[in-house]
């Protein structure tokens, strides 16, 4: 392959890397089941595509702004020191322009092809993640991810609003699931990389608190998360199938967190590490939203 082709592909790949595709994938995974629940069936294919495209643009914009603002932190953290702004593959100015273009494009896209409410929600998500989390909370408080995580909850609002041009208590329950899920999802990752965060001067909870306190707070959030997942049953008229799945998944994830707590207290010699809880949280959210989507099509 000619060197010019490799260079072009590497450059595109660097810009894509700034958008953090894995995070976007998880955000979009919560959007589609929400749209199915809001429609009580399959929404139109065009509406689904338009909403997912708009969501991708908005999340990409927020993530690129985050990389731009956190490039000094990324440089001293082993986990992030190979990001394109640190290696010089993308200049700060180019990243800032890229993030702005993506953000404006997402708002215009939602306004034209979906509805104005979804555009405002996308704007709120970008603002909360970039200003609320990255600029204000991240470097100042151990509870940064709790409140900054609101941005990651808004895609369910966007999905609901895309279908109904309004919100409902069912969408609030789904919002609550993700809001309370975020700390037990992210703090285990912070436990693994807490030396990185300490070196960067970022006061993530695992940096400033004991493993026991981290696990206790994770357990509290997990209980609230399970409560929100079960609140969806009366609010959205979910069947016994969803109820059983949500209860089982919640119990399983709570067991993971309790095992992590017991290990932190020295009451267990098990090998359940923080990253198993991290990966378990992804499995939990994925399967729960699969259950949300499937439940709509059950004949009872």
C-alpha atoms as a PDB file:
ATOM      1  CA  UNK A   1       0.000   0.000   0.000  1.00  0.00           C
ATOM      2  CA  UNK A   2       1.421   3.442  -0.897  1.00  0.00           C
ATOM      3  CA  UNK A   3       2.660   5.548   2.011  1.00  0.00           C
ATOM      4  CA  UNK A   4       0.212   8.345   1.145  1.00  0.00           C
ATOM      5  CA  UNK A   5      -2.714   5.955   1.581  1.00  0.00           C
ATOM      6  CA  UNK A   6      -1.405   4.806   4.958  1.00  0.00           C
ATOM      7  CA  UNK A   7      -0.942   8.405   6.046  1.00  0.00           C
ATOM      8  CA  UNK A   8      -4.489   9.321   5.023  1.00  0.00           C
ATOM      9  CA  UNK A   9      -5.942   6.329   6.833  1.00  0.00           C
ATOM     10  CA  UNK A  10      -3.858   6.996   9.936  1.00  0.00           C
ATOM     11  CA  UNK A  11      -5.067  10.592  10.008  1.00  0.00           C
ATOM     12  CA  UNK A  12      -8.712   9.577   9.727  1.00  0.00           C
ATOM     13  CA  UNK A  13      -8.143   6.941  12.393  1.00  0.00           C
ATOM     14  CA  UNK A  14      -6.673   9.571  14.725  1.00  0.00           C
ATOM     15  CA  UNK A  15      -9.744  11.780  14.396  1.00  0.00           C
ATOM     16  CA  UNK A  16     -12.030   8.788  14.951  1.00  0.00           C
ATOM     17  CA  UNK A  17     -10.059   7.835  18.054  1.00  0.00           C
ATOM     18  CA  UNK A  18     -10.741  11.274  19.535  1.00  0.00           C
ATOM     19  CA  UNK A  19     -14.480  10.537  19.421  1.00  0.00           C
ATOM     20  CA  UNK A  20     -14.051   7.484  21.724  1.00  0.00           C
ATOM     21  CA  UNK A  21     -16.109   5.017  19.625  1.00  0.00           C
ATOM     22  CA  UNK A  22     -16.540   2.448  22.421  1.00  0.00           C
ATOM     23  CA  UNK A  23     -18.275   4.975  24.644  1.00  0.00           C
ATOM     24  CA  UNK A  24     -20.522   6.045  21.774  1.00  0.00           C
ATOM     25  CA  UNK A  25     -21.460   2.433  21.081  1.00  0.00           C
ATOM     26  CA  UNK A  26     -22.707   1.975  24.644  1.00  0.00           C
ATOM     27  CA  UNK A  27     -24.649   5.256  24.538  1.00  0.00           C
ATOM     28  CA  UNK A  28     -26.397   4.300  21.311  1.00  0.00           C
ATOM     29  CA  UNK A  29     -27.192   0.850  22.703  1.00  0.00           C
ATOM     30  CA  UNK A  30     -29.432   2.481  25.306  1.00  0.00           C
ATOM     31  CA  UNK A  31     -31.102   4.738  22.738  1.00  0.00           C
ATOM     32  CA  UNK A  32     -32.620   2.137  20.422  1.00  0.00           C
ATOM     33  CA  UNK A  33     -34.420   0.029  23.078  1.00  0.00           C
ATOM     34  CA  UNK A  34     -35.756   3.263  24.552  1.00  0.00           C
ATOM     35  CA  UNK A  35     -37.186   4.205  21.156  1.00  0.00           C
ATOM     36  CA  UNK A  36     -38.800   0.758  20.829  1.00  0.00           C
ATOM     37  CA  UNK A  37     -40.388   1.105  24.265  1.00  0.00           C
ATOM     38  CA  UNK A  38     -41.590   4.643  23.506  1.00  0.00           C
ATOM     39  CA  UNK A  39     -43.154   3.483  20.235  1.00  0.00           C
ATOM     40  CA  UNK A  40     -44.462   0.242  21.777  1.00  0.00           C
ATOM     41  CA  UNK A  41     -43.055  -1.454  18.695  1.00  0.00           C
ATOM     42  CA  UNK A  42     -40.628  -0.675  15.905  1.00  0.00           C
ATOM     43  CA  UNK A  43     -40.226   3.033  15.151  1.00  0.00           C
ATOM     44  CA  UNK A  44     -39.761   3.983  11.505  1.00  0.00           C
ATOM     45  CA  UNK A  45     -36.377   2.986  10.136  1.00  0.00           C
ATOM     46  CA  UNK A  46     -35.638   6.543   9.082  1.00  0.00           C
ATOM     47  CA  UNK A  47     -36.357   7.897  12.578  1.00  0.00           C
ATOM     48  CA  UNK A  48     -34.062   5.298  14.117  1.00  0.00           C
ATOM     49  CA  UNK A  49     -31.250   6.094  11.684  1.00  0.00           C
ATOM     50  CA  UNK A  50     -31.692   9.850  12.086  1.00  0.00           C
ATOM     51  CA  UNK A  51     -31.672   9.609  15.885  1.00  0.00           C
ATOM     52  CA  UNK A  52     -28.618   7.360  16.011  1.00  0.00           C
ATOM     53  CA  UNK A  53     -26.711   9.558  13.556  1.00  0.00           C
ATOM     54  CA  UNK A  54     -27.543  12.658  15.571  1.00  0.00           C
ATOM     55  CA  UNK A  55     -26.583  10.908  18.801  1.00  0.00           C
ATOM     56  CA  UNK A  56     -23.272   9.815  17.301  1.00  0.00           C
ATOM     57  CA  UNK A  57     -22.469  13.365  16.216  1.00  0.00           C
ATOM     58  CA  UNK A  58     -23.372  14.827  19.625  1.00  0.00           C
ATOM     59  CA  UNK A  59     -21.429  12.225  21.624  1.00  0.00           C
ATOM     60  CA  UNK A  60     -18.459  12.546  19.280  1.00  0.00           C
ATOM     61  CA  UNK A  61     -18.419  16.309  19.760  1.00  0.00           C
ATOM     62  CA  UNK A  62     -18.492  15.986  23.557  1.00  0.00           C
ATOM     63  CA  UNK A  63     -15.726  13.381  23.549  1.00  0.00           C
ATOM     64  CA  UNK A  64     -13.435  15.415  21.280  1.00  0.00           C
ATOM     65  CA  UNK A  65     -13.941  18.509  23.445  1.00  0.00           C
ATOM     66  CA  UNK A  66     -13.053  16.304  26.431  1.00  0.00           C
ATOM     67  CA  UNK A  67      -9.834  15.132  24.760  1.00  0.00           C
ATOM     68  CA  UNK A  68      -8.949  18.737  23.914  1.00  0.00           C
ATOM     69  CA  UNK A  69      -9.496  20.012  27.458  1.00  0.00           C
ATOM     70  CA  UNK A  70      -7.866  17.016  29.155  1.00  0.00           C
ATOM     71  CA  UNK A  71      -4.793  16.741  26.940  1.00  0.00           C
ATOM     72  CA  UNK A  72      -2.527  17.807  29.819  1.00  0.00           C
ATOM     73  CA  UNK A  73      -3.953  15.039  32.012  1.00  0.00           C
ATOM     74  CA  UNK A  74      -3.826  12.480  29.215  1.00  0.00           C
ATOM     75  CA  UNK A  75      -0.124  13.162  28.763  1.00  0.00           C
ATOM     76  CA  UNK A  76       0.782  11.920  32.246  1.00  0.00           C
ATOM     77  CA  UNK A  77      -1.586   8.946  32.406  1.00  0.00           C
ATOM     78  CA  UNK A  78      -0.409   5.602  31.040  1.00  0.00           C
ATOM     79  CA  UNK A  79      -3.944   4.704  29.966  1.00  0.00           C
ATOM     80  CA  UNK A  80      -4.318   7.816  27.800  1.00  0.00           C
ATOM     81  CA  UNK A  81      -0.823   8.886  26.807  1.00  0.00           C
ATOM     82  CA  UNK A  82      -1.241   7.464  23.297  1.00  0.00           C
ATOM     83  CA  UNK A  83      -4.284   9.554  22.440  1.00  0.00           C
ATOM     84  CA  UNK A  84      -3.862  11.555  19.221  1.00  0.00           C
ATOM     85  CA  UNK A  85      -3.622  14.966  20.903  1.00  0.00           C
ATOM     86  CA  UNK A  86      -0.817  13.695  23.118  1.00  0.00           C
ATOM     87  CA  UNK A  87       1.146  12.030  20.327  1.00  0.00           C
ATOM     88  CA  UNK A  88       0.732  15.026  18.026  1.00  0.00           C
ATOM     89  CA  UNK A  89      -1.247  13.161  15.368  1.00  0.00           C
ATOM     90  CA  UNK A  90      -3.912  15.855  15.705  1.00  0.00           C
ATOM     91  CA  UNK A  91      -3.199  19.458  16.704  1.00  0.00           C
ATOM     92  CA  UNK A  92      -5.214  21.138  19.485  1.00  0.00           C
ATOM     93  CA  UNK A  93      -6.605  23.689  17.024  1.00  0.00           C
ATOM     94  CA  UNK A  94      -7.725  20.978  14.612  1.00  0.00           C
ATOM     95  CA  UNK A  95      -9.369  19.037  17.434  1.00  0.00           C
ATOM     96  CA  UNK A  96     -11.218  22.134  18.636  1.00  0.00           C
ATOM     97  CA  UNK A  97     -12.527  22.845  15.147  1.00  0.00           C
ATOM     98  CA  UNK A  98     -13.502  19.184  14.713  1.00  0.00           C
ATOM     99  CA  UNK A  99     -15.406  19.140  18.005  1.00  0.00           C
ATOM    100  CA  UNK A 100     -17.233  22.365  17.170  1.00  0.00           C
ATOM    101  CA  UNK A 101     -18.230  21.188  13.700  1.00  0.00           C
ATOM    102  CA  UNK A 102     -19.526  17.895  15.106  1.00  0.00           C
ATOM    103  CA  UNK A 103     -21.517  19.708  17.787  1.00  0.00           C
ATOM    104  CA  UNK A 104     -23.130  22.188  15.420  1.00  0.00           C
ATOM    105  CA  UNK A 105     -23.855  19.410  12.926  1.00  0.00           C
ATOM    106  CA  UNK A 106     -25.576  17.322  15.624  1.00  0.00           C
ATOM    107  CA  UNK A 107     -27.867  20.175  16.666  1.00  0.00           C
ATOM    108  CA  UNK A 108     -28.787  21.025  13.093  1.00  0.00           C
ATOM    109  CA  UNK A 109     -29.325  17.343  12.275  1.00  0.00           C
ATOM    110  CA  UNK A 110     -31.659  16.774  15.220  1.00  0.00           C
ATOM    111  CA  UNK A 111     -33.566  19.990  14.536  1.00  0.00           C
ATOM    112  CA  UNK A 112     -34.095  19.200  10.848  1.00  0.00           C
ATOM    113  CA  UNK A 113     -34.534  15.433  10.803  1.00  0.00           C
ATOM    114  CA  UNK A 114     -35.856  14.526  14.276  1.00  0.00           C
ATOM    115  CA  UNK A 115     -37.348  17.343  16.381  1.00  0.00           C
ATOM    116  CA  UNK A 116     -36.336  20.447  18.303  1.00  0.00           C
ATOM    117  CA  UNK A 117     -36.694  18.804  21.728  1.00  0.00           C
ATOM    118  CA  UNK A 118     -34.102  16.171  20.831  1.00  0.00           C
ATOM    119  CA  UNK A 119     -31.766  18.943  19.634  1.00  0.00           C
ATOM    120  CA  UNK A 120     -32.055  20.765  22.965  1.00  0.00           C
ATOM    121  CA  UNK A 121     -31.420  17.534  24.832  1.00  0.00           C
ATOM    122  CA  UNK A 122     -28.327  16.847  22.733  1.00  0.00           C
ATOM    123  CA  UNK A 123     -27.098  20.371  23.448  1.00  0.00           C
ATOM    124  CA  UNK A 124     -27.657  19.801  27.174  1.00  0.00           C
ATOM    125  CA  UNK A 125     -25.687  16.537  27.049  1.00  0.00           C
ATOM    126  CA  UNK A 126     -22.724  18.220  25.349  1.00  0.00           C
ATOM    127  CA  UNK A 127     -22.823  21.150  27.772  1.00  0.00           C
ATOM    128  CA  UNK A 128     -23.011  18.957  30.876  1.00  0.00           C
ATOM    129  CA  UNK A 129     -20.163  16.699  29.753  1.00  0.00           C
ATOM    130  CA  UNK A 130     -17.852  19.427  28.487  1.00  0.00           C
ATOM    131  CA  UNK A 131     -18.518  22.266  30.940  1.00  0.00           C
ATOM    132  CA  UNK A 132     -20.097  20.525  33.926  1.00  0.00           C
ATOM    133  CA  UNK A 133     -17.901  17.434  34.061  1.00  0.00           C
ATOM    134  CA  UNK A 134     -14.666  18.152  32.196  1.00  0.00           C
ATOM    135  CA  UNK A 135     -14.166  21.833  33.017  1.00  0.00           C
ATOM    136  CA  UNK A 136     -15.732  22.155  36.483  1.00  0.00           C
ATOM    137  CA  UNK A 137     -16.149  18.858  38.326  1.00  0.00           C
ATOM    138  CA  UNK A 138     -13.454  16.447  37.159  1.00  0.00           C
ATOM    139  CA  UNK A 139     -10.492  18.189  38.785  1.00  0.00           C
ATOM    140  CA  UNK A 140     -12.346  19.462  41.856  1.00  0.00           C
ATOM    141  CA  UNK A 141     -14.466  16.753  43.481  1.00  0.00           C
ATOM    142  CA  UNK A 142     -14.404  12.982  44.062  1.00  0.00           C
ATOM    143  CA  UNK A 143     -18.079  12.944  43.080  1.00  0.00           C
ATOM    144  CA  UNK A 144     -17.204  14.209  39.588  1.00  0.00           C
ATOM    145  CA  UNK A 145     -18.440  11.154  37.726  1.00  0.00           C
ATOM    146  CA  UNK A 146     -21.709  11.055  39.681  1.00  0.00           C
ATOM    147  CA  UNK A 147     -22.959  14.423  38.444  1.00  0.00           C
ATOM    148  CA  UNK A 148     -20.951  14.487  35.229  1.00  0.00           C
ATOM    149  CA  UNK A 149     -22.507  11.135  34.378  1.00  0.00           C
ATOM    150  CA  UNK A 150     -25.829  12.890  33.764  1.00  0.00           C
ATOM    151  CA  UNK A 151     -24.610  13.507  30.215  1.00  0.00           C
ATOM    152  CA  UNK A 152     -24.497   9.766  29.609  1.00  0.00           C
ATOM    153  CA  UNK A 153     -28.115   9.418  30.769  1.00  0.00           C
ATOM    154  CA  UNK A 154     -29.551  11.923  28.299  1.00  0.00           C
ATOM    155  CA  UNK A 155     -29.505   9.554  25.263  1.00  0.00           C
ATOM    156  CA  UNK A 156     -32.540   7.753  26.728  1.00  0.00           C
ATOM    157  CA  UNK A 157     -34.339  11.104  26.901  1.00  0.00           C
ATOM    158  CA  UNK A 158     -33.306  11.775  23.305  1.00  0.00           C
ATOM    159  CA  UNK A 159     -34.593   8.377  22.184  1.00  0.00           C
ATOM    160  CA  UNK A 160     -37.930   8.893  23.936  1.00  0.00           C
ATOM    161  CA  UNK A 161     -38.273  12.467  22.676  1.00  0.00           C
ATOM    162  CA  UNK A 162     -37.457  11.394  19.126  1.00  0.00           C
ATOM    163  CA  UNK A 163     -40.516   9.132  19.112  1.00  0.00           C
ATOM    164  CA  UNK A 164     -43.010  11.153  21.176  1.00  0.00           C
ATOM    165  CA  UNK A 165     -41.642  14.708  21.089  1.00  0.00           C
ATOM    166  CA  UNK A 166     -42.055  14.662  24.876  1.00  0.00           C
ATOM    167  CA  UNK A 167     -40.766  12.863  27.958  1.00  0.00           C
ATOM    168  CA  UNK A 168     -42.504  10.555  30.430  1.00  0.00           C
ATOM    169  CA  UNK A 169     -41.988   8.970  33.828  1.00  0.00           C
ATOM    170  CA  UNK A 170     -40.883   5.770  32.080  1.00  0.00           C
ATOM    171  CA  UNK A 171     -38.041   7.680  30.432  1.00  0.00           C
ATOM    172  CA  UNK A 172     -37.161   9.142  33.838  1.00  0.00           C
ATOM    173  CA  UNK A 173     -36.867   5.596  35.239  1.00  0.00           C
ATOM    174  CA  UNK A 174     -34.494   4.647  32.411  1.00  0.00           C
ATOM    175  CA  UNK A 175     -32.550   7.844  33.062  1.00  0.00           C
ATOM    176  CA  UNK A 176     -32.308   6.808  36.717  1.00  0.00           C
ATOM    177  CA  UNK A 177     -30.999   3.366  35.804  1.00  0.00           C
ATOM    178  CA  UNK A 178     -28.078   4.856  33.897  1.00  0.00           C
ATOM    179  CA  UNK A 179     -27.489   7.656  36.411  1.00  0.00           C
ATOM    180  CA  UNK A 180     -27.059   5.223  39.307  1.00  0.00           C
ATOM    181  CA  UNK A 181     -25.253   2.679  37.100  1.00  0.00           C
ATOM    182  CA  UNK A 182     -22.511   5.121  36.100  1.00  0.00           C
ATOM    183  CA  UNK A 183     -20.514   5.225  39.378  1.00  0.00           C
ATOM    184  CA  UNK A 184     -20.436   1.417  39.861  1.00  0.00           C
ATOM    185  CA  UNK A 185     -19.390   1.228  36.219  1.00  0.00           C
ATOM    186  CA  UNK A 186     -16.656   3.852  36.290  1.00  0.00           C
ATOM    187  CA  UNK A 187     -15.209   3.628  39.793  1.00  0.00           C
ATOM    188  CA  UNK A 188     -13.837   0.086  39.306  1.00  0.00           C
ATOM    189  CA  UNK A 189     -11.907   1.414  36.296  1.00  0.00           C
ATOM    190  CA  UNK A 190     -10.656   4.236  38.507  1.00  0.00           C
ATOM    191  CA  UNK A 191      -9.564   1.669  41.111  1.00  0.00           C
ATOM    192  CA  UNK A 192      -7.394  -0.068  38.542  1.00  0.00           C
ATOM    193  CA  UNK A 193      -5.880   3.176  37.287  1.00  0.00           C
ATOM    194  CA  UNK A 194      -5.917   5.212  40.488  1.00  0.00           C
ATOM    195  CA  UNK A 195      -2.162   5.755  40.362  1.00  0.00           C
ATOM    196  CA  UNK A 196      -2.637   7.370  36.956  1.00  0.00           C
ATOM    197  CA  UNK A 197      -5.349   9.644  38.308  1.00  0.00           C
ATOM    198  CA  UNK A 198      -3.258  10.494  41.381  1.00  0.00           C
ATOM    199  CA  UNK A 199      -0.280  11.420  39.200  1.00  0.00           C
ATOM    200  CA  UNK A 200      -2.548  13.613  37.082  1.00  0.00           C
ATOM    201  CA  UNK A 201      -4.036  15.315  40.136  1.00  0.00           C
ATOM    202  CA  UNK A 202      -7.572  14.102  39.420  1.00  0.00           C
ATOM    203  CA  UNK A 203      -9.430  13.344  42.696  1.00  0.00           C
ATOM    204  CA  UNK A 204     -11.433  10.346  41.563  1.00  0.00           C
ATOM    205  CA  UNK A 205     -13.091   8.694  44.557  1.00  0.00           C
ATOM    206  CA  UNK A 206     -10.731   5.656  44.572  1.00  0.00           C
ATOM    207  CA  UNK A 207      -7.766   8.075  44.752  1.00  0.00           C
ATOM    208  CA  UNK A 208      -8.954   9.919  47.860  1.00  0.00           C
ATOM    209  CA  UNK A 209     -10.992   7.216  49.643  1.00  0.00           C
ATOM    210  CA  UNK A 210     -10.419   3.668  50.859  1.00  0.00           C
ATOM    211  CA  UNK A 211     -11.425   0.688  48.746  1.00  0.00           C
ATOM    212  CA  UNK A 212     -14.063  -0.068  51.384  1.00  0.00           C
ATOM    213  CA  UNK A 213     -15.700   3.349  51.048  1.00  0.00           C
ATOM    214  CA  UNK A 214     -15.641   3.063  47.255  1.00  0.00           C
ATOM    215  CA  UNK A 215     -17.341  -0.334  47.410  1.00  0.00           C
ATOM    216  CA  UNK A 216     -19.946   0.903  49.917  1.00  0.00           C
ATOM    217  CA  UNK A 217     -20.864   3.845  47.704  1.00  0.00           C
ATOM    218  CA  UNK A 218     -21.004   1.535  44.706  1.00  0.00           C
ATOM    219  CA  UNK A 219     -23.424  -0.710  46.596  1.00  0.00           C
ATOM    220  CA  UNK A 220     -25.691   2.244  47.458  1.00  0.00           C
ATOM    221  CA  UNK A 221     -25.791   3.308  43.812  1.00  0.00           C
ATOM    222  CA  UNK A 222     -26.434  -0.278  42.754  1.00  0.00           C
ATOM    223  CA  UNK A 223     -29.456  -0.513  45.039  1.00  0.00           C
ATOM    224  CA  UNK A 224     -30.888   2.699  43.589  1.00  0.00           C
ATOM    225  CA  UNK A 225     -30.171   1.438  40.064  1.00  0.00           C
ATOM    226  CA  UNK A 226     -32.100  -1.780  40.699  1.00  0.00           C
ATOM    227  CA  UNK A 227     -34.993   0.210  42.176  1.00  0.00           C
ATOM    228  CA  UNK A 228     -35.177   2.363  39.021  1.00  0.00           C
ATOM    229  CA  UNK A 229     -35.072  -0.705  36.779  1.00  0.00           C
ATOM    230  CA  UNK A 230     -38.039  -2.193  38.675  1.00  0.00           C
ATOM    231  CA  UNK A 231     -39.906   1.133  38.742  1.00  0.00           C
ATOM    232  CA  UNK A 232     -40.130   0.752  34.958  1.00  0.00           C
ATOM    233  CA  UNK A 233     -42.514  -2.201  35.452  1.00  0.00           C
ATOM    234  CA  UNK A 234     -45.536  -0.157  36.581  1.00  0.00           C
ATOM    235  CA  UNK A 235     -44.505   3.008  34.724  1.00  0.00           C
ATOM    236  CA  UNK A 236     -44.215   1.326  31.311  1.00  0.00           C
ATOM    237  CA  UNK A 237     -46.413  -1.731  31.834  1.00  0.00           C
ATOM    238  CA  UNK A 238     -43.555  -4.219  31.496  1.00  0.00           C
ATOM    239  CA  UNK A 239     -44.343  -7.945  31.606  1.00  0.00           C
ATOM    240  CA  UNK A 240     -43.236 -10.529  34.135  1.00  0.00           C
ATOM    241  CA  UNK A 241     -40.432 -11.498  31.746  1.00  0.00           C
ATOM    242  CA  UNK A 242     -38.744  -8.122  32.035  1.00  0.00           C
ATOM    243  CA  UNK A 243     -39.410  -8.152  35.793  1.00  0.00           C
ATOM    244  CA  UNK A 244     -37.645 -11.482  36.223  1.00  0.00           C
ATOM    245  CA  UNK A 245     -34.721 -10.464  34.000  1.00  0.00           C
ATOM    246  CA  UNK A 246     -34.290  -7.090  35.716  1.00  0.00           C
ATOM    247  CA  UNK A 247     -34.443  -8.702  39.159  1.00  0.00           C
ATOM    248  CA  UNK A 248     -31.985 -11.435  38.223  1.00  0.00           C
ATOM    249  CA  UNK A 249     -29.527  -9.062  36.582  1.00  0.00           C
ATOM    250  CA  UNK A 250     -29.762  -6.681  39.519  1.00  0.00           C
ATOM    251  CA  UNK A 251     -29.121  -9.451  42.035  1.00  0.00           C
ATOM    252  CA  UNK A 252     -26.157 -10.717  40.016  1.00  0.00           C
ATOM    253  CA  UNK A 253     -24.549  -7.292  39.743  1.00  0.00           C
ATOM    254  CA  UNK A 254     -25.202  -6.554  43.412  1.00  0.00           C
ATOM    255  CA  UNK A 255     -23.414  -9.823  44.219  1.00  0.00           C
ATOM    256  CA  UNK A 256     -20.390  -8.632  42.230  1.00  0.00           C
ATOM    257  CA  UNK A 257     -20.291  -5.377  44.180  1.00  0.00           C
ATOM    258  CA  UNK A 258     -20.794  -7.132  47.540  1.00  0.00           C
ATOM    259  CA  UNK A 259     -17.907  -9.472  46.684  1.00  0.00           C
ATOM    260  CA  UNK A 260     -15.767  -6.425  45.946  1.00  0.00           C
ATOM    261  CA  UNK A 261     -16.788  -4.927  49.308  1.00  0.00           C
ATOM    262  CA  UNK A 262     -15.981  -8.133  51.202  1.00  0.00           C
ATOM    263  CA  UNK A 263     -12.582  -8.232  49.575  1.00  0.00           C
ATOM    264  CA  UNK A 264     -11.960  -4.597  50.544  1.00  0.00           C
ATOM    265  CA  UNK A 265     -12.901  -5.454  54.149  1.00  0.00           C
ATOM    266  CA  UNK A 266     -10.523  -8.412  54.153  1.00  0.00           C
ATOM    267  CA  UNK A 267     -13.379 -10.866  54.643  1.00  0.00           C
ATOM    268  CA  UNK A 268     -12.786 -12.678  51.385  1.00  0.00           C
ATOM    269  CA  UNK A 269      -9.721 -14.023  49.623  1.00  0.00           C
ATOM    270  CA  UNK A 270     -11.546 -14.288  46.319  1.00  0.00           C
ATOM    271  CA  UNK A 271     -10.046 -13.090  43.089  1.00  0.00           C
ATOM    272  CA  UNK A 272     -12.882 -10.825  42.058  1.00  0.00           C
ATOM    273  CA  UNK A 273     -11.014  -7.727  40.864  1.00  0.00           C
ATOM    274  CA  UNK A 274     -12.294  -4.289  40.037  1.00  0.00           C
ATOM    275  CA  UNK A 275     -12.135  -4.909  36.301  1.00  0.00           C
ATOM    276  CA  UNK A 276     -14.499  -7.869  36.612  1.00  0.00           C
ATOM    277  CA  UNK A 277     -17.027  -5.535  38.171  1.00  0.00           C
ATOM    278  CA  UNK A 278     -16.346  -3.006  35.402  1.00  0.00           C
ATOM    279  CA  UNK A 279     -16.990  -5.578  32.676  1.00  0.00           C
ATOM    280  CA  UNK A 280     -19.940  -6.944  34.636  1.00  0.00           C
ATOM    281  CA  UNK A 281     -21.525  -3.486  34.631  1.00  0.00           C
ATOM    282  CA  UNK A 282     -21.390  -3.394  30.832  1.00  0.00           C
ATOM    283  CA  UNK A 283     -22.989  -6.836  30.648  1.00  0.00           C
ATOM    284  CA  UNK A 284     -25.703  -5.731  33.078  1.00  0.00           C
ATOM    285  CA  UNK A 285     -26.674  -2.616  31.121  1.00  0.00           C
ATOM    286  CA  UNK A 286     -26.528  -4.384  27.778  1.00  0.00           C
ATOM    287  CA  UNK A 287     -28.793  -7.254  28.834  1.00  0.00           C
ATOM    288  CA  UNK A 288     -31.195  -4.991  30.720  1.00  0.00           C
ATOM    289  CA  UNK A 289     -31.817  -2.866  27.627  1.00  0.00           C
ATOM    290  CA  UNK A 290     -32.144  -5.980  25.493  1.00  0.00           C
ATOM    291  CA  UNK A 291     -34.907  -7.023  27.902  1.00  0.00           C
ATOM    292  CA  UNK A 292     -36.530  -3.586  27.532  1.00  0.00           C
ATOM    293  CA  UNK A 293     -36.648  -3.976  23.754  1.00  0.00           C
ATOM    294  CA  UNK A 294     -37.724  -7.631  23.695  1.00  0.00           C
ATOM    295  CA  UNK A 295     -40.459  -7.164  26.292  1.00  0.00           C
ATOM    296  CA  UNK A 296     -42.391  -4.876  23.935  1.00  0.00           C
ATOM    297  CA  UNK A 297     -42.878  -7.698  21.444  1.00  0.00           C
ATOM    298  CA  UNK A 298     -43.989 -10.395  23.901  1.00  0.00           C
ATOM    299  CA  UNK A 299     -47.600 -11.544  23.407  1.00  0.00           C
ATOM    300  CA  UNK A 300     -48.524 -11.151  27.100  1.00  0.00           C
END
